[in-house]
Protein backbone atom coordinates (compact mmCIF):
# COMPACT_ATOMS: atom_id res chain seq x y z
CA MET A 1 -0.16 -0.03 -0.08
CA LYS A 2 3.22 2.46 1.49
CA HIS A 3 4.29 2.93 -2.80
CA VAL A 4 0.99 3.55 -4.69
CA LEU A 5 0.04 6.42 -1.61
CA VAL A 6 3.99 7.67 -2.61
CA GLU A 7 2.89 7.50 -6.06
CA LEU A 8 -0.21 9.73 -5.40
CA GLU A 9 1.99 12.26 -3.57
CA GLU A 10 4.34 12.31 -6.93
CA ARG A 11 1.63 12.94 -8.70
CA ARG A 12 -0.29 14.84 -7.07
CA ALA A 13 3.18 17.15 -6.73
CA LYS A 14 4.21 17.14 -10.85
CA ALA A 15 0.71 18.41 -11.45
CA ARG A 16 0.70 20.84 -9.40
CA LEU A 17 3.70 22.34 -10.98
CA GLY A 18 1.88 22.86 -14.00
CA GLY A 19 3.83 23.41 -16.75
CA GLY A 20 6.60 23.44 -14.82
CA GLU A 21 9.35 25.91 -12.26
CA ALA A 22 10.62 27.41 -15.71
CA ARG A 23 7.03 28.80 -17.07
CA ILE A 24 5.98 29.08 -13.65
CA ALA A 25 8.60 32.06 -12.94
CA ALA A 26 7.80 33.16 -16.94
CA GLN A 27 4.38 33.92 -15.04
CA HIS A 28 5.37 35.58 -11.54
CA ALA A 29 7.70 38.10 -14.18
CA LYS A 30 4.56 38.91 -16.14
CA GLY A 31 3.04 40.01 -12.81
CA LYS A 32 0.70 37.39 -12.30
CA LEU A 33 -0.23 34.56 -10.24
CA THR A 34 -0.19 31.52 -11.57
CA ALA A 35 -3.83 29.20 -11.54
CA ARG A 36 -3.04 27.48 -8.24
CA GLU A 37 -2.16 30.67 -6.51
CA ARG A 38 -5.45 32.43 -7.94
CA ILE A 39 -8.03 29.59 -6.21
CA GLU A 40 -6.08 29.41 -3.01
CA CYS A 41 -6.13 33.37 -2.66
CA PHE A 42 -9.36 33.67 -3.45
CA LEU A 43 -11.04 30.83 -1.81
CA ASP A 44 -11.23 30.22 2.65
CA GLU A 45 -7.97 29.06 3.51
CA GLY A 46 -7.84 25.31 3.05
CA SER A 47 -11.44 24.87 1.88
CA PHE A 48 -10.63 24.11 -1.69
CA GLU A 49 -11.34 20.48 -3.27
CA GLU A 50 -9.23 19.44 -6.29
CA PHE A 51 -11.57 17.92 -9.32
CA ASP A 52 -10.22 16.01 -11.52
CA MET A 53 -6.36 16.42 -11.08
CA PHE A 54 -5.16 13.91 -13.85
CA VAL A 55 -6.55 14.75 -16.89
CA GLU A 56 -5.17 14.47 -20.39
CA HIS A 57 -5.54 15.48 -23.48
CA ARG A 58 -6.24 12.39 -25.67
CA SER A 59 -4.70 14.02 -29.15
CA THR A 60 -2.15 12.60 -31.19
CA ASP A 61 -2.06 14.64 -33.96
CA PHE A 62 0.79 16.90 -35.04
CA GLY A 63 3.07 14.63 -32.29
CA MET A 64 1.17 15.33 -28.89
CA GLN A 65 0.57 12.24 -27.48
CA ASP A 66 4.38 12.99 -26.40
CA THR A 67 2.98 15.91 -24.94
CA LYS A 68 1.27 14.99 -21.90
CA ILE A 69 0.58 17.62 -18.88
CA SER A 70 -2.21 16.70 -16.07
CA GLY A 71 -5.17 18.69 -15.44
CA ASP A 72 -4.36 20.33 -19.56
CA GLY A 73 -4.51 23.68 -18.58
CA VAL A 74 -7.20 24.18 -16.44
CA VAL A 75 -8.04 23.72 -12.53
CA THR A 76 -10.76 23.13 -11.21
CA GLY A 77 -13.11 22.53 -8.18
CA TRP A 78 -14.85 24.14 -5.23
CA GLY A 79 -14.60 25.58 -2.33
CA THR A 80 -16.30 28.33 -0.45
CA VAL A 81 -15.75 32.17 0.61
CA ASN A 82 -17.15 33.21 4.09
CA GLY A 83 -18.14 29.55 4.64
CA ARG A 84 -20.74 29.81 1.78
CA THR A 85 -20.22 26.75 -1.51
CA VAL A 86 -18.78 28.16 -4.79
CA PHE A 87 -17.88 26.70 -7.38
CA ILE A 88 -14.36 27.95 -9.49
CA PHE A 89 -11.79 26.75 -12.15
CA ALA A 90 -8.59 28.96 -12.94
CA LYS A 91 -7.33 28.57 -16.55
CA ASP A 92 -3.43 27.80 -16.63
CA PHE A 93 -0.92 29.89 -18.76
CA THR A 94 1.83 27.55 -17.67
CA VAL A 95 0.07 24.35 -19.95
CA PHE A 96 0.26 24.52 -22.85
CA GLY A 97 -0.75 28.13 -23.07
CA GLY A 98 -4.18 28.06 -21.35
CA SER A 99 -5.62 26.29 -24.10
CA LEU A 100 -8.66 24.15 -24.51
CA SER A 101 -9.09 21.18 -26.37
CA GLU A 102 -12.11 18.30 -25.80
CA ALA A 103 -10.44 16.95 -22.32
CA HIS A 104 -10.30 20.82 -20.88
CA ALA A 105 -13.20 21.14 -21.95
CA GLU A 106 -15.22 18.41 -20.29
CA LYS A 107 -13.31 19.50 -17.49
CA VAL A 108 -14.88 22.91 -17.48
CA ILE A 109 -18.21 20.80 -18.28
CA LYS A 110 -18.71 18.67 -15.43
CA LEU A 111 -17.88 21.67 -12.74
CA GLN A 112 -21.09 24.04 -15.04
CA ASP A 113 -23.64 20.72 -14.28
CA MET A 114 -22.42 20.12 -10.83
CA ALA A 115 -22.59 24.20 -9.44
CA LEU A 116 -25.96 24.46 -11.61
CA LYS A 117 -27.89 20.83 -9.65
CA ASN A 118 -26.08 22.57 -6.36
CA ARG A 119 -27.35 25.67 -6.53
CA ALA A 120 -24.18 27.80 -6.39
CA PRO A 121 -22.20 30.55 -7.92
CA ILE A 122 -19.28 29.34 -10.90
CA ILE A 123 -16.66 32.42 -11.29
CA GLY A 124 -14.10 31.17 -13.99
CA LEU A 125 -10.77 33.04 -14.36
CA TYR A 126 -8.56 33.43 -17.97
CA ASP A 127 -5.70 32.99 -18.56
CA ALA A 128 -5.65 31.38 -22.01
CA GLY A 129 -4.83 31.31 -25.31
CA GLY A 130 -8.31 30.52 -27.43
CA ALA A 131 -9.13 27.12 -28.81
CA ARG A 132 -6.43 24.33 -29.10
CA ILE A 133 -5.05 23.99 -33.10
CA GLN A 134 -3.53 20.81 -32.78
CA GLU A 135 -7.89 19.43 -31.89
CA GLY A 136 -9.14 21.20 -34.46
CA VAL A 137 -13.29 20.44 -33.91
CA ALA A 138 -13.07 18.48 -31.69
CA ALA A 139 -11.81 21.81 -29.19
CA LEU A 140 -14.54 23.72 -30.56
CA GLY A 141 -17.91 21.23 -30.11
CA GLY A 142 -16.06 21.44 -26.51
CA TYR A 143 -16.25 25.31 -26.67
CA ALA A 144 -20.31 25.18 -27.53
CA GLU A 145 -20.76 22.90 -24.49
CA ILE A 146 -19.70 25.25 -22.12
CA PHE A 147 -21.53 28.03 -23.90
CA GLN A 148 -24.84 25.95 -23.72
CA ARG A 149 -24.34 25.60 -20.44
CA ASN A 150 -23.95 28.85 -19.78
CA VAL A 151 -27.04 30.12 -21.07
CA LEU A 152 -28.82 27.69 -19.12
CA ALA A 153 -27.35 28.71 -15.57
CA SER A 154 -28.18 32.51 -16.47
CA GLY A 155 -30.51 33.61 -13.98
CA VAL A 156 -30.49 30.37 -11.77
CA ILE A 157 -26.31 30.59 -10.49
CA PRO A 158 -24.31 33.98 -10.52
CA GLN A 159 -21.92 33.69 -12.53
CA ILE A 160 -18.93 35.30 -12.37
CA SER A 161 -15.70 36.12 -14.69
CA VAL A 162 -12.59 37.41 -13.90
CA ILE A 163 -10.22 38.15 -17.07
CA MET A 164 -6.31 37.79 -16.18
CA GLY A 165 -4.86 37.26 -19.29
CA PRO A 166 -4.54 36.58 -22.53
CA CYS A 167 -8.99 35.57 -23.59
CA ALA A 168 -9.04 35.57 -27.31
CA GLY A 169 -11.04 33.50 -29.99
CA GLY A 170 -13.89 31.02 -28.11
CA ASP A 171 -12.75 31.90 -24.50
CA VAL A 172 -14.25 35.49 -25.19
CA TYR A 173 -17.50 34.03 -25.71
CA SER A 174 -17.98 31.93 -22.28
CA PRO A 175 -17.65 35.71 -20.38
CA ALA A 176 -19.72 37.28 -22.67
CA MET A 177 -22.43 35.13 -21.22
CA THR A 178 -22.27 35.03 -17.61
CA ASP A 179 -23.65 37.83 -15.60
CA PHE A 180 -20.05 40.38 -14.45
CA ILE A 181 -17.40 40.54 -16.10
CA PHE A 182 -13.44 41.78 -14.18
CA MET A 183 -10.65 42.42 -15.79
CA VAL A 184 -7.01 43.61 -14.10
CA ARG A 185 -5.30 45.96 -15.32
CA ASP A 186 -2.15 45.88 -17.79
CA THR A 187 -1.96 42.01 -17.82
CA SER A 188 -5.56 41.34 -19.40
CA TYR A 189 -7.20 41.60 -22.71
CA MET A 190 -10.30 40.05 -24.52
CA PHE A 191 -10.79 40.49 -27.96
CA VAL A 192 -12.37 37.71 -30.64
CA THR A 193 -9.14 38.01 -32.97
CA GLY A 194 -5.58 39.68 -32.13
CA PRO A 195 -3.67 42.42 -33.47
CA ASP A 196 -1.95 40.05 -35.92
CA VAL A 197 -5.75 38.58 -37.28
CA VAL A 198 -6.69 43.03 -37.46
CA LYS A 199 -3.99 43.65 -38.76
CA THR A 200 -4.04 40.97 -42.21
CA VAL A 201 -8.30 42.12 -42.48
CA THR A 202 -8.22 45.09 -42.46
CA ASN A 203 -4.76 46.47 -42.09
CA GLU A 204 -5.62 48.18 -39.19
CA THR A 205 -2.23 48.57 -36.85
CA VAL A 206 -3.52 47.80 -33.18
CA SER A 207 -2.04 46.70 -29.31
CA ALA A 208 -3.53 44.41 -27.71
CA GLU A 209 -4.18 46.82 -25.29
CA GLU A 210 -6.00 49.47 -27.74
CA LEU A 211 -7.69 46.15 -28.86
CA GLY A 212 -9.00 44.89 -26.32
CA GLY A 213 -7.15 45.93 -22.89
CA ALA A 214 -8.99 46.69 -19.66
CA SER A 215 -9.40 50.17 -20.56
CA ILE A 216 -11.35 49.77 -23.65
CA HIS A 217 -13.40 47.25 -22.04
CA THR A 218 -14.11 49.64 -19.88
CA THR A 219 -15.23 53.01 -20.51
CA LYS A 220 -15.91 51.87 -24.74
CA SER A 221 -16.55 48.70 -25.28
CA SER A 222 -19.21 48.24 -21.21
CA ILE A 223 -18.13 44.53 -21.94
CA ALA A 224 -15.86 44.60 -18.48
CA ASP A 225 -17.95 45.33 -15.44
CA GLY A 226 -14.60 46.93 -13.43
CA ALA A 227 -10.49 46.26 -13.47
CA TYR A 228 -8.52 46.15 -11.04
CA ASP A 229 -4.68 46.48 -10.65
CA ASN A 230 -3.29 43.37 -9.82
CA ASP A 231 -4.57 40.06 -9.36
CA VAL A 232 -4.57 39.99 -5.35
CA GLU A 233 -6.62 42.64 -5.59
CA ALA A 234 -9.52 41.94 -8.32
CA LEU A 235 -9.63 38.39 -6.44
CA LEU A 236 -10.04 39.62 -2.91
CA GLN A 237 -12.93 42.21 -4.95
CA MET A 238 -14.94 39.33 -5.77
CA ARG A 239 -14.80 37.81 -2.53
CA ARG A 240 -16.03 40.74 -1.23
CA LEU A 241 -18.57 40.51 -4.57
CA ILE A 242 -19.49 36.75 -3.65
CA ASP A 243 -20.32 37.76 -0.50
CA LEU A 244 -23.60 39.97 -1.62
CA LEU A 245 -25.11 37.56 -3.96
CA PRO A 246 -27.37 35.51 -2.79
CA GLN A 247 -26.62 31.53 -4.35
CA SER A 248 -28.83 30.77 -6.73
CA ASN A 249 -32.32 32.33 -7.86
CA THR A 250 -33.92 30.01 -4.65
CA SER A 251 -31.98 31.51 -2.26
CA ASP A 252 -33.05 34.16 0.13
CA VAL A 253 -30.40 37.58 0.24
CA PRO A 254 -27.43 37.08 2.20
CA GLU A 255 -28.51 38.58 5.32
CA ILE A 256 -25.29 39.51 7.60
CA ASP A 257 -25.34 41.51 11.32
CA ASN A 258 -25.49 44.78 10.74
CA TYR A 259 -24.63 47.75 13.62
CA GLN A 260 -25.26 50.67 12.22
CA SER A 261 -29.22 52.54 13.32
CA VAL A 262 -31.41 52.84 10.26
CA ASP A 263 -32.95 55.29 12.84
CA GLU A 264 -30.55 57.81 13.64
CA MET A 265 -31.37 61.30 10.63
CA ASP A 266 -28.43 62.27 8.14
CA ALA A 267 -29.16 66.54 8.53
CA SER A 268 -26.62 66.94 6.01
CA LEU A 269 -28.69 65.36 3.24
CA ASP A 270 -31.14 68.46 4.32
CA THR A 271 -29.16 70.02 2.30
CA LEU A 272 -27.77 68.11 -0.60
CA VAL A 273 -29.83 69.57 -3.69
CA PRO A 274 -28.88 72.56 -4.50
CA ASP A 275 -31.05 75.72 -4.68
CA ASN A 276 -30.58 76.38 -7.79
CA ALA A 277 -31.84 73.86 -9.83
CA ASN A 278 -29.30 73.70 -12.97
CA LYS A 279 -26.40 72.89 -10.33
CA PRO A 280 -24.65 69.10 -10.17
CA TYR A 281 -24.60 67.53 -6.29
CA ASP A 282 -23.34 64.15 -6.31
CA VAL A 283 -26.10 61.16 -5.72
CA LYS A 284 -23.14 59.33 -5.05
CA GLU A 285 -22.77 60.50 -1.05
CA LEU A 286 -26.66 60.53 -0.56
CA ILE A 287 -26.07 56.40 -1.54
CA VAL A 288 -23.11 55.81 0.76
CA LYS A 289 -25.08 58.00 3.53
CA VAL A 290 -28.73 55.63 2.64
CA ILE A 291 -26.38 51.97 2.48
CA ASP A 292 -24.92 50.40 5.97
CA GLU A 293 -21.47 52.01 6.67
CA GLY A 294 -21.35 53.47 3.14
CA ASP A 295 -20.29 50.17 1.28
CA PHE A 296 -20.79 50.91 -2.00
CA PHE A 297 -19.59 47.92 -4.81
CA GLU A 298 -19.94 49.45 -7.77
CA ILE A 299 -20.85 47.91 -11.11
CA GLN A 300 -19.03 49.69 -14.39
CA ALA A 301 -17.93 52.69 -12.36
CA ALA A 302 -16.75 53.76 -15.85
CA PHE A 303 -18.99 53.69 -17.99
CA ALA A 304 -22.21 55.56 -18.56
CA LYS A 305 -21.27 58.21 -15.71
CA ASN A 306 -24.22 59.69 -15.63
CA ILE A 307 -26.12 56.40 -14.00
CA VAL A 308 -25.00 55.09 -11.27
CA CYS A 309 -25.61 51.48 -9.99
CA GLY A 310 -23.94 49.24 -7.62
CA PHE A 311 -24.44 46.71 -4.76
CA GLY A 312 -24.53 47.81 -0.52
CA ARG A 313 -26.91 46.39 2.05
CA VAL A 314 -29.78 48.20 4.13
CA GLU A 315 -30.60 46.26 7.74
CA GLY A 316 -27.56 43.94 6.61
CA ARG A 317 -30.02 42.36 3.24
CA THR A 318 -28.19 43.02 0.01
CA VAL A 319 -29.65 45.59 -2.18
CA GLY A 320 -29.11 47.31 -5.54
CA LEU A 321 -29.31 50.46 -6.86
CA VAL A 322 -29.92 52.40 -9.27
CA ALA A 323 -29.58 56.15 -9.80
CA ASN A 324 -29.13 58.96 -12.04
CA GLN A 325 -25.43 61.21 -11.61
CA PRO A 326 -26.86 65.02 -12.20
CA MET A 327 -22.61 65.09 -11.60
CA VAL A 328 -22.33 63.69 -15.71
CA LEU A 329 -24.62 65.08 -18.12
CA ALA A 330 -26.98 66.04 -15.81
CA GLY A 331 -28.01 62.76 -15.01
CA VAL A 332 -29.92 62.18 -18.58
CA LEU A 333 -30.75 58.86 -19.97
CA ASP A 334 -28.79 58.31 -23.21
CA SER A 335 -28.73 54.37 -24.44
CA ASP A 336 -25.39 53.96 -22.89
CA ALA A 337 -26.84 54.29 -19.56
CA SER A 338 -29.93 52.85 -20.28
CA ARG A 339 -28.71 49.86 -21.46
CA LYS A 340 -25.84 49.39 -18.58
CA ALA A 341 -29.08 50.00 -15.57
CA ALA A 342 -31.69 47.64 -17.65
CA ARG A 343 -28.72 44.58 -17.60
CA PHE A 344 -28.81 45.69 -13.65
CA VAL A 345 -32.54 45.66 -12.94
CA ARG A 346 -32.87 42.71 -14.88
CA PHE A 347 -29.91 40.53 -12.75
CA CYS A 348 -31.61 41.80 -9.39
CA ASP A 349 -34.34 40.03 -10.54
CA CYS A 350 -33.53 37.37 -11.60
CA PHE A 351 -32.31 36.73 -8.04
CA ASN A 352 -34.83 37.95 -5.66
CA ILE A 353 -32.44 40.97 -5.19
CA PRO A 354 -34.36 44.55 -3.94
CA ILE A 355 -34.11 46.95 -6.09
CA VAL A 356 -33.33 51.19 -4.43
CA THR A 357 -33.95 53.90 -7.22
CA PHE A 358 -32.70 57.91 -6.51
CA VAL A 359 -34.44 59.96 -9.97
CA ASP A 360 -32.87 62.59 -10.70
CA VAL A 361 -33.23 62.67 -14.23
CA PRO A 362 -34.12 65.64 -17.35
CA GLY A 363 -34.93 62.77 -19.85
CA PHE A 364 -33.93 61.48 -22.80
CA LEU A 365 -30.58 62.97 -24.10
CA PRO A 366 -31.80 64.56 -28.00
CA GLY A 367 -30.16 64.91 -30.48
CA THR A 368 -29.15 63.08 -33.91
CA ALA A 369 -26.38 61.11 -33.03
CA GLN A 370 -29.17 59.08 -29.94
CA GLU A 371 -31.65 58.61 -32.06
CA TYR A 372 -29.04 57.30 -34.61
CA GLY A 373 -27.69 54.89 -32.07
CA GLY A 374 -31.55 53.28 -31.56
CA LEU A 375 -31.95 55.48 -28.09
CA ILE A 376 -35.46 54.84 -28.72
CA LYS A 377 -34.89 50.83 -28.69
CA HIS A 378 -31.96 51.36 -25.85
CA GLY A 379 -34.46 53.35 -23.39
CA ALA A 380 -36.86 50.74 -23.56
CA LYS A 381 -34.51 48.10 -21.93
CA LEU A 382 -35.18 49.83 -19.19
CA LEU A 383 -38.60 50.69 -19.84
CA PHE A 384 -38.95 46.49 -19.72
CA ALA A 385 -36.72 45.87 -16.92
CA TYR A 386 -38.42 48.22 -14.26
CA GLY A 387 -41.79 46.76 -15.76
CA GLU A 388 -40.88 43.37 -15.97
CA ALA A 389 -39.16 43.64 -12.25
CA THR A 390 -41.12 41.53 -10.04
CA VAL A 391 -38.32 41.88 -6.51
CA PRO A 392 -39.03 45.05 -4.17
CA LYS A 393 -38.61 48.25 -5.51
CA VAL A 394 -38.31 51.43 -3.74
CA THR A 395 -37.53 54.98 -5.18
CA VAL A 396 -36.78 57.91 -4.21
CA ILE A 397 -37.14 61.37 -6.05
CA THR A 398 -34.55 63.99 -5.23
CA ARG A 399 -35.30 66.46 -7.84
CA LYS A 400 -36.11 66.70 -11.63
CA ALA A 401 -37.85 63.77 -13.74
CA TYR A 402 -39.15 65.10 -16.95
CA GLY A 403 -40.89 63.18 -19.01
CA GLY A 404 -40.68 59.98 -20.63
CA ALA A 405 -37.86 59.39 -18.10
CA TYR A 406 -40.08 59.95 -15.54
CA ASP A 407 -42.01 57.11 -16.11
CA VAL A 408 -39.00 54.64 -16.54
CA MET A 409 -37.53 55.47 -13.18
CA ALA A 410 -38.83 52.66 -11.75
CA SER A 411 -42.31 54.84 -11.39
CA LYS A 412 -45.40 54.05 -9.55
CA HIS A 413 -46.28 52.82 -12.97
CA LEU A 414 -44.32 49.92 -13.01
CA ARG A 415 -45.39 48.71 -9.97
CA GLY A 416 -43.19 50.58 -7.87
CA ASP A 417 -43.48 49.33 -4.44
CA ILE A 418 -43.05 53.24 -2.28
CA ASN A 419 -42.41 55.97 -4.48
CA TYR A 420 -41.04 59.01 -2.36
CA ALA A 421 -40.16 62.44 -3.05
CA TRP A 422 -38.08 64.98 -1.32
CA PRO A 423 -39.27 68.70 -1.37
CA SER A 424 -37.22 69.39 -3.97
CA ALA A 425 -38.76 67.07 -6.94
CA GLN A 426 -40.24 68.22 -9.65
CA ILE A 427 -42.21 66.10 -11.63
CA ALA A 428 -42.92 66.94 -14.73
CA VAL A 429 -43.83 66.53 -18.73
CA MET A 430 -40.49 68.80 -18.90
CA GLY A 431 -38.75 71.96 -17.49
CA ALA A 432 -40.26 75.02 -16.79
CA LYS A 433 -38.78 77.10 -19.55
CA GLY A 434 -39.15 74.14 -21.91
CA ALA A 435 -43.28 74.11 -21.33
CA VAL A 436 -43.48 78.19 -21.20
CA GLU A 437 -41.85 78.91 -24.48
CA ILE A 438 -43.85 75.97 -26.49
CA ILE A 439 -47.79 77.05 -24.02
CA PHE A 440 -46.84 80.46 -24.42
CA ARG A 441 -44.87 81.05 -27.88
CA LYS A 442 -46.84 84.06 -28.73
CA ASP A 443 -45.86 85.84 -24.80
CA ILE A 444 -41.93 84.64 -25.93
CA ALA A 445 -41.12 88.11 -26.98
CA ASP A 446 -42.25 89.92 -23.66
CA PRO A 447 -39.56 88.69 -20.92
CA GLU A 448 -41.50 89.94 -18.18
CA LYS A 449 -44.97 87.31 -19.15
CA ILE A 450 -42.26 84.35 -19.84
CA ALA A 451 -41.45 85.21 -16.35
CA ALA A 452 -44.63 85.01 -14.89
CA HIS A 453 -45.73 82.09 -16.61
CA THR A 454 -43.40 80.75 -16.35
CA LYS A 455 -43.60 81.86 -12.26
CA MET A 456 -47.09 79.85 -12.52
CA TYR A 457 -46.18 76.51 -14.65
CA GLU A 458 -43.50 75.93 -11.71
CA ASP A 459 -45.68 76.83 -8.97
CA ARG A 460 -48.49 74.08 -10.80
CA PHE A 461 -46.22 71.96 -12.06
CA LEU A 462 -43.06 71.49 -10.52
CA SER A 463 -43.75 70.55 -7.32
CA PRO A 464 -43.94 66.65 -5.60
CA PHE A 465 -47.26 67.78 -4.48
CA VAL A 466 -49.30 67.31 -7.52
CA ALA A 467 -48.17 63.82 -7.79
CA ALA A 468 -48.69 63.05 -4.40
CA GLU A 469 -52.47 64.46 -4.93
CA ARG A 470 -53.05 61.14 -7.60
CA GLY A 471 -51.21 58.98 -5.57
CA TYR A 472 -48.23 58.90 -8.27
CA ILE A 473 -46.52 59.48 -4.62
CA ASP A 474 -46.68 57.53 -1.55
CA GLU A 475 -45.23 60.43 0.72
CA VAL A 476 -42.89 63.21 0.20
CA ILE A 477 -40.31 63.18 3.01
CA MET A 478 -37.60 64.63 4.62
CA PRO A 479 -34.10 64.21 2.78
CA HIS A 480 -33.04 63.36 6.46
CA SER A 481 -34.99 60.19 7.46
CA THR A 482 -34.24 59.08 4.27
CA ARG A 483 -32.39 55.86 5.37
CA LYS A 484 -35.25 54.79 7.84
CA ARG A 485 -38.00 55.03 5.40
CA ILE A 486 -36.27 53.07 2.81
CA ALA A 487 -34.81 50.94 5.67
CA ARG A 488 -38.84 49.61 6.46
CA GLY A 489 -40.02 49.27 3.67
CA LEU A 490 -37.51 47.33 2.64
CA ARG A 491 -38.84 45.55 6.34
CA MET A 492 -42.61 45.55 4.97
CA LEU A 493 -41.66 44.30 1.38
CA ARG A 494 -39.44 41.07 2.59
CA ASN A 495 -43.21 39.04 1.85
CA LYS A 496 -43.52 40.13 -1.30
CA SER A 497 -44.99 38.19 -3.86
CA LEU A 498 -46.26 39.33 -7.03
CA SER A 499 -45.56 36.47 -10.18
CA ASN A 500 -45.66 38.15 -14.33
CA PRO A 501 -48.42 35.58 -16.91
CA TRP A 502 -47.15 32.81 -17.54
CA LYS A 503 -44.86 32.57 -21.00
CA LYS A 504 -42.15 30.53 -22.41
CA HIS A 505 -40.11 33.95 -22.00
CA ASP A 506 -40.05 36.67 -22.93
CA ASN A 507 -38.85 39.42 -26.01
CA ILE A 508 -37.01 42.14 -24.55
CA PRO A 509 -36.31 44.66 -27.21
CA LEU A 510 -32.43 44.48 -28.05
């Protein structure tokens, strides 16, 4: 028996070395951790249970039968994050550049199936060169099997992808179908075709960073939800995110002990909104004062900054937060902001995370660029997402809520459960100046008459009490009591039960 135990330990030690000491050193020289080091950093200490450590590829073409390494370029298994089960796979760049073979794909597929059956999140750490060319269609078939499971798991368990090195070809499509994608600055990139292929086909000369680096995907394409400076920071932030997410669509929202009272009033909120309606303020100040301990995990912070999305906790329970940002484009809704918020709202609804919405929106952004870019359909995505959502929805209008944008931002008409307004709220078809110039067009040459008309319009329409009189606003609240009112509302809504008519699935305006 003893010799078998010795052999097992020897095989394990060899498998843990992956591509060998030289390739591990090369990985470290690039400022990157190895696949196993990443898993160790992400999971609770000593919790990792590995699967398929000794799997090898079965290819015999191009002399591949002479080059076999245990694990075949991906490390898979499960462990815990603060005691909660998660499944994880990490591409091992030291083994065949992390390229995907048939056997490699089978390891990932097995893990996806286990995660779905056991209803626990799955995290993929990517550092790979795409399909293994020597295996041809077998590798492509493996990718398709992974993609199919991404689709089936969508909305059932959280799926998170962390890009920690090269990610090209088939490897980008699986992350694209997961819930969140995060990148590491300067060492990771994503693209369907690399710079060499781009040069050949389109004659464009572009670097890997310019084509698909974190700076591109967090600001321009919106592919990535965030970027971090190194592997360790990225993995620690993923632990933080996992803590905020339910295990599955049938699990309760995570709840931790909360030591910050919701009854304490914050007088600074009474002066947050400036007296001048055209002067901006930072809505993130409101968010961090409403959630527990000011602990806000923002999603897509560098993209479409005119809307803010992210997770926080209220009374220890996870909530999703969406807020117009007056500091950027006056908080107006455009195509990018609508898409960003719609996807976030739909994620929250998938996993029964209550949604808190702060509204200060002057409308949709006008102009040919927006119209030609499909603003109507993109704006409809956000409208669709809020209207479809059955989770608890609490809305606070802090200032402007104009036109169709008022409707879209979780209004009472889209089944908002609790809709509050601050005394500074202005709910109308449009701003007073624009409205008066249309209604009283004949008086436009007389400044005194226009001023009088403007004052009349403001008094009559730019007030939260008009909407409150109709029941569109449940209560006009004092800003300093916002955290308390939201907390009490969410507590009341914990047992909310609402379902949409049966359907195979909806047809959101993509």
